[in-house]
Amino acid sequence: FRCERQITIPLFEQGSLFLIRVFVEPLHETLAAIAGRRDRLMQSLASMSDAVLAYKGITHAKELLISG
């Protein structure tokens, strides 16, 4: 599972600094951490069109994620 945290820090009159921190952890740990998270993921996957699945690069994994 991959998650990003994005932060913008103002630098007074000189602009701003944009930071991205990426978190990666095994999907099974993410799903087990909070009750109901697996169900919400399954509902989201079931509601996605083929175009959205392709955009996210998970077309091939949808059935594995739903069945697993």
PDB file of N, CA and C in Angstrom:
ATOM      1  N   PHE A   1       0.846  -1.161   0.000  1.00  0.00           N
ATOM      2  CA  PHE A   1       0.000   0.000   0.000  1.00  0.00           C
ATOM      3  C   PHE A   1       0.894   1.226   0.000  1.00  0.00           C
ATOM      4  N   ARG A   2       0.556   2.202  -0.830  1.00  0.00           N
ATOM      5  CA  ARG A   2       1.350   3.429  -0.955  1.00  0.00           C
ATOM      6  C   ARG A   2       0.455   4.620  -0.643  1.00  0.00           C
ATOM      7  N   CYS A   3       0.959   5.494   0.213  1.00  0.00           N
ATOM      8  CA  CYS A   3       0.230   6.701   0.588  1.00  0.00           C
ATOM      9  C   CYS A   3       1.202   7.876   0.557  1.00  0.00           C
ATOM     10  N   GLU A   4       0.712   9.041   0.161  1.00  0.00           N
ATOM     11  CA  GLU A   4       1.538  10.244   0.126  1.00  0.00           C
ATOM     12  C   GLU A   4       0.992  11.285   1.095  1.00  0.00           C
ATOM     13  N   ARG A   5       1.914  11.991   1.731  1.00  0.00           N
ATOM     14  CA  ARG A   5       1.545  13.164   2.528  1.00  0.00           C
ATOM     15  C   ARG A   5       2.227  14.356   1.874  1.00  0.00           C
ATOM     16  N   GLN A   6       1.440  15.336   1.487  1.00  0.00           N
ATOM     17  CA  GLN A   6       1.967  16.500   0.778  1.00  0.00           C
ATOM     18  C   GLN A   6       1.860  17.730   1.674  1.00  0.00           C
ATOM     19  N   ILE A   7       2.951  18.498   1.719  1.00  0.00           N
ATOM     20  CA  ILE A   7       3.015  19.687   2.564  1.00  0.00           C
ATOM     21  C   ILE A   7       3.588  20.839   1.747  1.00  0.00           C
ATOM     22  N   THR A   8       3.002  22.010   1.882  1.00  0.00           N
ATOM     23  CA  THR A   8       3.547  23.225   1.282  1.00  0.00           C
ATOM     24  C   THR A   8       3.961  24.164   2.407  1.00  0.00           C
ATOM     25  N   ILE A   9       5.225  24.598   2.370  1.00  0.00           N
ATOM     26  CA  ILE A   9       5.754  25.501   3.384  1.00  0.00           C
ATOM     27  C   ILE A   9       6.017  26.860   2.736  1.00  0.00           C
ATOM     28  N   PRO A  10       5.344  27.917   3.204  1.00  0.00           N
ATOM     29  CA  PRO A  10       5.591  29.239   2.622  1.00  0.00           C
ATOM     30  C   PRO A  10       6.992  29.738   2.980  1.00  0.00           C
ATOM     31  N   LEU A  11       7.646  30.378   2.026  1.00  0.00           N
ATOM     32  CA  LEU A  11       8.979  30.940   2.238  1.00  0.00           C
ATOM     33  C   LEU A  11       8.933  32.461   2.088  1.00  0.00           C
ATOM     34  N   PHE A  12       8.072  33.090   2.826  1.00  0.00           N
ATOM     35  CA  PHE A  12       7.894  34.541   2.822  1.00  0.00           C
ATOM     36  C   PHE A  12       7.667  35.047   1.405  1.00  0.00           C
ATOM     37  N   GLU A  13       8.442  36.001   0.945  1.00  0.00           N
ATOM     38  CA  GLU A  13       8.238  36.583  -0.376  1.00  0.00           C
ATOM     39  C   GLU A  13       8.926  35.788  -1.482  1.00  0.00           C
ATOM     40  N   GLN A  14       9.647  34.749  -1.132  1.00  0.00           N
ATOM     41  CA  GLN A  14      10.456  34.016  -2.105  1.00  0.00           C
ATOM     42  C   GLN A  14       9.739  32.825  -2.722  1.00  0.00           C
ATOM     43  N   GLY A  15       8.513  32.574  -2.367  1.00  0.00           N
ATOM     44  CA  GLY A  15       7.792  31.435  -2.920  1.00  0.00           C
ATOM     45  C   GLY A  15       7.413  30.451  -1.837  1.00  0.00           C
ATOM     46  N   SER A  16       7.499  29.168  -2.168  1.00  0.00           N
ATOM     47  CA  SER A  16       7.150  28.133  -1.205  1.00  0.00           C
ATOM     48  C   SER A  16       7.924  26.855  -1.513  1.00  0.00           C
ATOM     49  N   LEU A  17       7.938  25.983  -0.532  1.00  0.00           N
ATOM     50  CA  LEU A  17       8.600  24.688  -0.659  1.00  0.00           C
ATOM     51  C   LEU A  17       7.519  23.616  -0.618  1.00  0.00           C
ATOM     52  N   PHE A  18       7.514  22.744  -1.609  1.00  0.00           N
ATOM     53  CA  PHE A  18       6.513  21.678  -1.702  1.00  0.00           C
ATOM     54  C   PHE A  18       7.198  20.357  -1.395  1.00  0.00           C
ATOM     55  N   LEU A  19       6.723  19.649  -0.386  1.00  0.00           N
ATOM     56  CA  LEU A  19       7.324  18.389   0.046  1.00  0.00           C
ATOM     57  C   LEU A  19       6.331  17.249  -0.112  1.00  0.00           C
ATOM     58  N   ILE A  20       6.844  16.095  -0.485  1.00  0.00           N
ATOM     59  CA  ILE A  20       6.026  14.884  -0.568  1.00  0.00           C
ATOM     60  C   ILE A  20       6.735  13.795   0.217  1.00  0.00           C
ATOM     61  N   ARG A  21       6.028  13.198   1.162  1.00  0.00           N
ATOM     62  CA  ARG A  21       6.569  12.052   1.891  1.00  0.00           C
ATOM     63  C   ARG A  21       5.740  10.838   1.503  1.00  0.00           C
ATOM     64  N   VAL A  22       6.419   9.791   1.105  1.00  0.00           N
ATOM     65  CA  VAL A  22       5.755   8.576   0.648  1.00  0.00           C
ATOM     66  C   VAL A  22       5.871   7.506   1.731  1.00  0.00           C
ATOM     67  N   PHE A  23       4.752   6.890   2.050  1.00  0.00           N
ATOM     68  CA  PHE A  23       4.707   5.777   2.993  1.00  0.00           C
ATOM     69  C   PHE A  23       4.335   4.515   2.218  1.00  0.00           C
ATOM     70  N   VAL A  24       5.053   3.424   2.469  1.00  0.00           N
ATOM     71  CA  VAL A  24       4.759   2.154   1.815  1.00  0.00           C
ATOM     72  C   VAL A  24       4.734   1.068   2.891  1.00  0.00           C
ATOM     73  N   GLU A  25       3.675   0.274   2.885  1.00  0.00           N
ATOM     74  CA  GLU A  25       3.593  -0.858   3.808  1.00  0.00           C
ATOM     75  C   GLU A  25       2.785  -1.964   3.148  1.00  0.00           C
ATOM     76  N   PRO A  26       2.958  -3.201   3.607  1.00  0.00           N
ATOM     77  CA  PRO A  26       2.195  -4.306   3.014  1.00  0.00           C
ATOM     78  C   PRO A  26       0.684  -4.066   3.137  1.00  0.00           C
ATOM     79  N   LEU A  27      -0.042  -4.387   2.085  1.00  0.00           N
ATOM     80  CA  LEU A  27      -1.483  -4.150   2.057  1.00  0.00           C
ATOM     81  C   LEU A  27      -2.201  -4.876   3.188  1.00  0.00           C
ATOM     82  N   HIS A  28      -1.793  -6.097   3.495  1.00  0.00           N
ATOM     83  CA  HIS A  28      -2.484  -6.856   4.552  1.00  0.00           C
ATOM     84  C   HIS A  28      -2.355  -6.153   5.905  1.00  0.00           C
ATOM     85  N   GLU A  29      -1.234  -5.466   6.159  1.00  0.00           N
ATOM     86  CA  GLU A  29      -1.083  -4.728   7.416  1.00  0.00           C
ATOM     87  C   GLU A  29      -1.999  -3.503   7.442  1.00  0.00           C
ATOM     88  N   THR A  30      -2.089  -2.827   6.328  1.00  0.00           N
ATOM     89  CA  THR A  30      -2.949  -1.650   6.225  1.00  0.00           C
ATOM     90  C   THR A  30      -4.408  -2.028   6.436  1.00  0.00           C
ATOM     91  N   LEU A  31      -4.839  -3.125   5.829  1.00  0.00           N
ATOM     92  CA  LEU A  31      -6.233  -3.551   5.946  1.00  0.00           C
ATOM     93  C   LEU A  31      -6.561  -4.037   7.351  1.00  0.00           C
ATOM     94  N   ALA A  32      -5.586  -4.630   8.034  1.00  0.00           N
ATOM     95  CA  ALA A  32      -5.821  -5.157   9.374  1.00  0.00           C
ATOM     96  C   ALA A  32      -5.776  -4.068  10.447  1.00  0.00           C
ATOM     97  N   ALA A  33      -5.177  -2.932  10.150  1.00  0.00           N
ATOM     98  CA  ALA A  33      -4.957  -1.892  11.160  1.00  0.00           C
ATOM     99  C   ALA A  33      -6.242  -1.223  11.644  1.00  0.00           C
ATOM    100  N   ILE A  34      -7.225  -1.079  10.785  1.00  0.00           N
ATOM    101  CA  ILE A  34      -8.459  -0.369  11.148  1.00  0.00           C
ATOM    102  C   ILE A  34      -9.667  -1.199  10.726  1.00  0.00           C
ATOM    103  N   ALA A  35     -10.578  -1.413  11.675  1.00  0.00           N
ATOM    104  CA  ALA A  35     -11.784  -2.191  11.386  1.00  0.00           C
ATOM    105  C   ALA A  35     -12.581  -1.528  10.270  1.00  0.00           C
ATOM    106  N   GLY A  36     -13.042  -2.316   9.325  1.00  0.00           N
ATOM    107  CA  GLY A  36     -13.860  -1.813   8.237  1.00  0.00           C
ATOM    108  C   GLY A  36     -13.077  -1.319   7.027  1.00  0.00           C
ATOM    109  N   ARG A  37     -11.763  -1.192   7.160  1.00  0.00           N
ATOM    110  CA  ARG A  37     -10.962  -0.675   6.049  1.00  0.00           C
ATOM    111  C   ARG A  37     -11.002  -1.617   4.850  1.00  0.00           C
ATOM    112  N   ARG A  38     -10.954  -2.932   5.101  1.00  0.00           N
ATOM    113  CA  ARG A  38     -10.994  -3.895   3.994  1.00  0.00           C
ATOM    114  C   ARG A  38     -12.317  -3.792   3.242  1.00  0.00           C
ATOM    115  N   ASP A  39     -13.409  -3.684   3.981  1.00  0.00           N
ATOM    116  CA  ASP A  39     -14.728  -3.568   3.345  1.00  0.00           C
ATOM    117  C   ASP A  39     -14.826  -2.312   2.483  1.00  0.00           C
ATOM    118  N   ARG A  40     -14.294  -1.186   2.985  1.00  0.00           N
ATOM    119  CA  ARG A  40     -14.319   0.056   2.203  1.00  0.00           C
ATOM    120  C   ARG A  40     -13.487  -0.072   0.933  1.00  0.00           C
ATOM    121  N   LEU A  41     -12.339  -0.746   1.024  1.00  0.00           N
ATOM    122  CA  LEU A  41     -11.513  -0.951  -0.167  1.00  0.00           C
ATOM    123  C   LEU A  41     -12.254  -1.809  -1.182  1.00  0.00           C
ATOM    124  N   MET A  42     -12.892  -2.872  -0.723  1.00  0.00           N
ATOM    125  CA  MET A  42     -13.614  -3.753  -1.633  1.00  0.00           C
ATOM    126  C   MET A  42     -14.774  -3.013  -2.308  1.00  0.00           C
ATOM    127  N   GLN A  43     -15.485  -2.189  -1.553  1.00  0.00           N
ATOM    128  CA  GLN A  43     -16.577  -1.395  -2.136  1.00  0.00           C
ATOM    129  C   GLN A  43     -16.041  -0.411  -3.176  1.00  0.00           C
ATOM    130  N   SER A  44     -14.921   0.196  -2.882  1.00  0.00           N
ATOM    131  CA  SER A  44     -14.318   1.140  -3.834  1.00  0.00           C
ATOM    132  C   SER A  44     -13.918   0.442  -5.120  1.00  0.00           C
ATOM    133  N   LEU A  45     -13.268  -0.705  -5.000  1.00  0.00           N
ATOM    134  CA  LEU A  45     -12.852  -1.455  -6.187  1.00  0.00           C
ATOM    135  C   LEU A  45     -14.054  -1.874  -7.021  1.00  0.00           C
ATOM    136  N   ALA A  46     -15.106  -2.330  -6.351  1.00  0.00           N
ATOM    137  CA  ALA A  46     -16.298  -2.778  -7.073  1.00  0.00           C
ATOM    138  C   ALA A  46     -16.979  -1.630  -7.814  1.00  0.00           C
ATOM    139  N   SER A  47     -16.825  -0.411  -7.313  1.00  0.00           N
ATOM    140  CA  SER A  47     -17.497   0.734  -7.933  1.00  0.00           C
ATOM    141  C   SER A  47     -16.690   1.381  -9.065  1.00  0.00           C
ATOM    142  N   MET A  48     -15.426   1.002  -9.224  1.00  0.00           N
ATOM    143  CA  MET A  48     -14.566   1.647 -10.229  1.00  0.00           C
ATOM    144  C   MET A  48     -14.848   1.136 -11.634  1.00  0.00           C
ATOM    145  N   SER A  49     -14.881   2.067 -12.570  1.00  0.00           N
ATOM    146  CA  SER A  49     -15.039   1.691 -13.981  1.00  0.00           C
ATOM    147  C   SER A  49     -13.730   1.090 -14.491  1.00  0.00           C
ATOM    148  N   ASP A  50     -13.812   0.423 -15.633  1.00  0.00           N
ATOM    149  CA  ASP A  50     -12.604  -0.135 -16.239  1.00  0.00           C
ATOM    150  C   ASP A  50     -11.585   0.954 -16.548  1.00  0.00           C
ATOM    151  N   ALA A  51     -12.057   2.136 -16.940  1.00  0.00           N
ATOM    152  CA  ALA A  51     -11.150   3.247 -17.250  1.00  0.00           C
ATOM    153  C   ALA A  51     -10.382   3.698 -16.004  1.00  0.00           C
ATOM    154  N   VAL A  52     -11.066   3.768 -14.874  1.00  0.00           N
ATOM    155  CA  VAL A  52     -10.410   4.176 -13.626  1.00  0.00           C
ATOM    156  C   VAL A  52      -9.419   3.109 -13.182  1.00  0.00           C
ATOM    157  N   LEU A  53      -9.817   1.848 -13.271  1.00  0.00           N
ATOM    158  CA  LEU A  53      -8.907   0.761 -12.910  1.00  0.00           C
ATOM    159  C   LEU A  53      -7.648   0.797 -13.769  1.00  0.00           C
ATOM    160  N   ALA A  54      -7.808   1.057 -15.057  1.00  0.00           N
ATOM    161  CA  ALA A  54      -6.659   1.139 -15.961  1.00  0.00           C
ATOM    162  C   ALA A  54      -5.777   2.329 -15.596  1.00  0.00           C
ATOM    163  N   TYR A  55      -6.385   3.475 -15.302  1.00  0.00           N
ATOM    164  CA  TYR A  55      -5.632   4.675 -14.921  1.00  0.00           C
ATOM    165  C   TYR A  55      -4.783   4.418 -13.677  1.00  0.00           C
ATOM    166  N   LYS A  56      -5.351   3.698 -12.711  1.00  0.00           N
ATOM    167  CA  LYS A  56      -4.644   3.411 -11.474  1.00  0.00           C
ATOM    168  C   LYS A  56      -3.679   2.232 -11.608  1.00  0.00           C
ATOM    169  N   GLY A  57      -3.745   1.530 -12.735  1.00  0.00           N
ATOM    170  CA  GLY A  57      -2.851   0.399 -12.960  1.00  0.00           C
ATOM    171  C   GLY A  57      -3.199  -0.828 -12.138  1.00  0.00           C
ATOM    172  N   ILE A  58      -4.479  -0.989 -11.810  1.00  0.00           N
ATOM    173  CA  ILE A  58      -4.879  -2.130 -10.975  1.00  0.00           C
ATOM    174  C   ILE A  58      -5.906  -3.027 -11.654  1.00  0.00           C
ATOM    175  N   THR A  59      -6.059  -2.881 -12.965  1.00  0.00           N
ATOM    176  CA  THR A  59      -7.020  -3.715 -13.691  1.00  0.00           C
ATOM    177  C   THR A  59      -6.743  -5.191 -13.459  1.00  0.00           C
ATOM    178  N   HIS A  60      -5.494  -5.574 -13.595  1.00  0.00           N
ATOM    179  CA  HIS A  60      -5.110  -6.983 -13.465  1.00  0.00           C
ATOM    180  C   HIS A  60      -5.210  -7.496 -12.028  1.00  0.00           C
ATOM    181  N   ALA A  61      -5.207  -6.590 -11.057  1.00  0.00           N
ATOM    182  CA  ALA A  61      -5.194  -7.004  -9.661  1.00  0.00           C
ATOM    183  C   ALA A  61      -6.564  -6.965  -8.989  1.00  0.00           C
ATOM    184  N   LYS A  62      -7.573  -6.406  -9.659  1.00  0.00           N
ATOM    185  CA  LYS A  62      -8.882  -6.236  -9.019  1.00  0.00           C
ATOM    186  C   LYS A  62      -9.437  -7.553  -8.493  1.00  0.00           C
ATOM    187  N   GLU A  63      -9.479  -8.572  -9.318  1.00  0.00           N
ATOM    188  CA  GLU A  63     -10.037  -9.856  -8.876  1.00  0.00           C
ATOM    189  C   GLU A  63      -9.219 -10.463  -7.739  1.00  0.00           C
ATOM    190  N   LEU A  64      -7.898 -10.324  -7.796  1.00  0.00           N
ATOM    191  CA  LEU A  64      -7.058 -10.831  -6.707  1.00  0.00           C
ATOM    192  C   LEU A  64      -7.342 -10.095  -5.403  1.00  0.00           C
ATOM    193  N   LEU A  65      -7.500  -8.787  -5.483  1.00  0.00           N
ATOM    194  CA  LEU A  65      -7.767  -8.000  -4.285  1.00  0.00           C
ATOM    195  C   LEU A  65      -9.142  -8.312  -3.705  1.00  0.00           C
ATOM    196  N   ILE A  66     -10.134  -8.473  -4.558  1.00  0.00           N
ATOM    197  CA  ILE A  66     -11.485  -8.765  -4.083  1.00  0.00           C
ATOM    198  C   ILE A  66     -11.579 -10.177  -3.498  1.00  0.00           C
ATOM    199  N   SER A  67     -10.929 -11.140  -4.140  1.00  0.00           N
ATOM    200  CA  SER A  67     -11.021 -12.525  -3.671  1.00  0.00           C
ATOM    201  C   SER A  67     -10.094 -12.811  -2.499  1.00  0.00           C
ATOM    202  N   GLY A  68      -9.052 -12.027  -2.346  1.00  0.00           N
ATOM    203  CA  GLY A  68      -8.032 -12.336  -1.359  1.00  0.00           C
ATOM    204  C   GLY A  68      -8.215 -11.695  -0.064  1.00  0.00           C
TER     205      GLY A  68
END
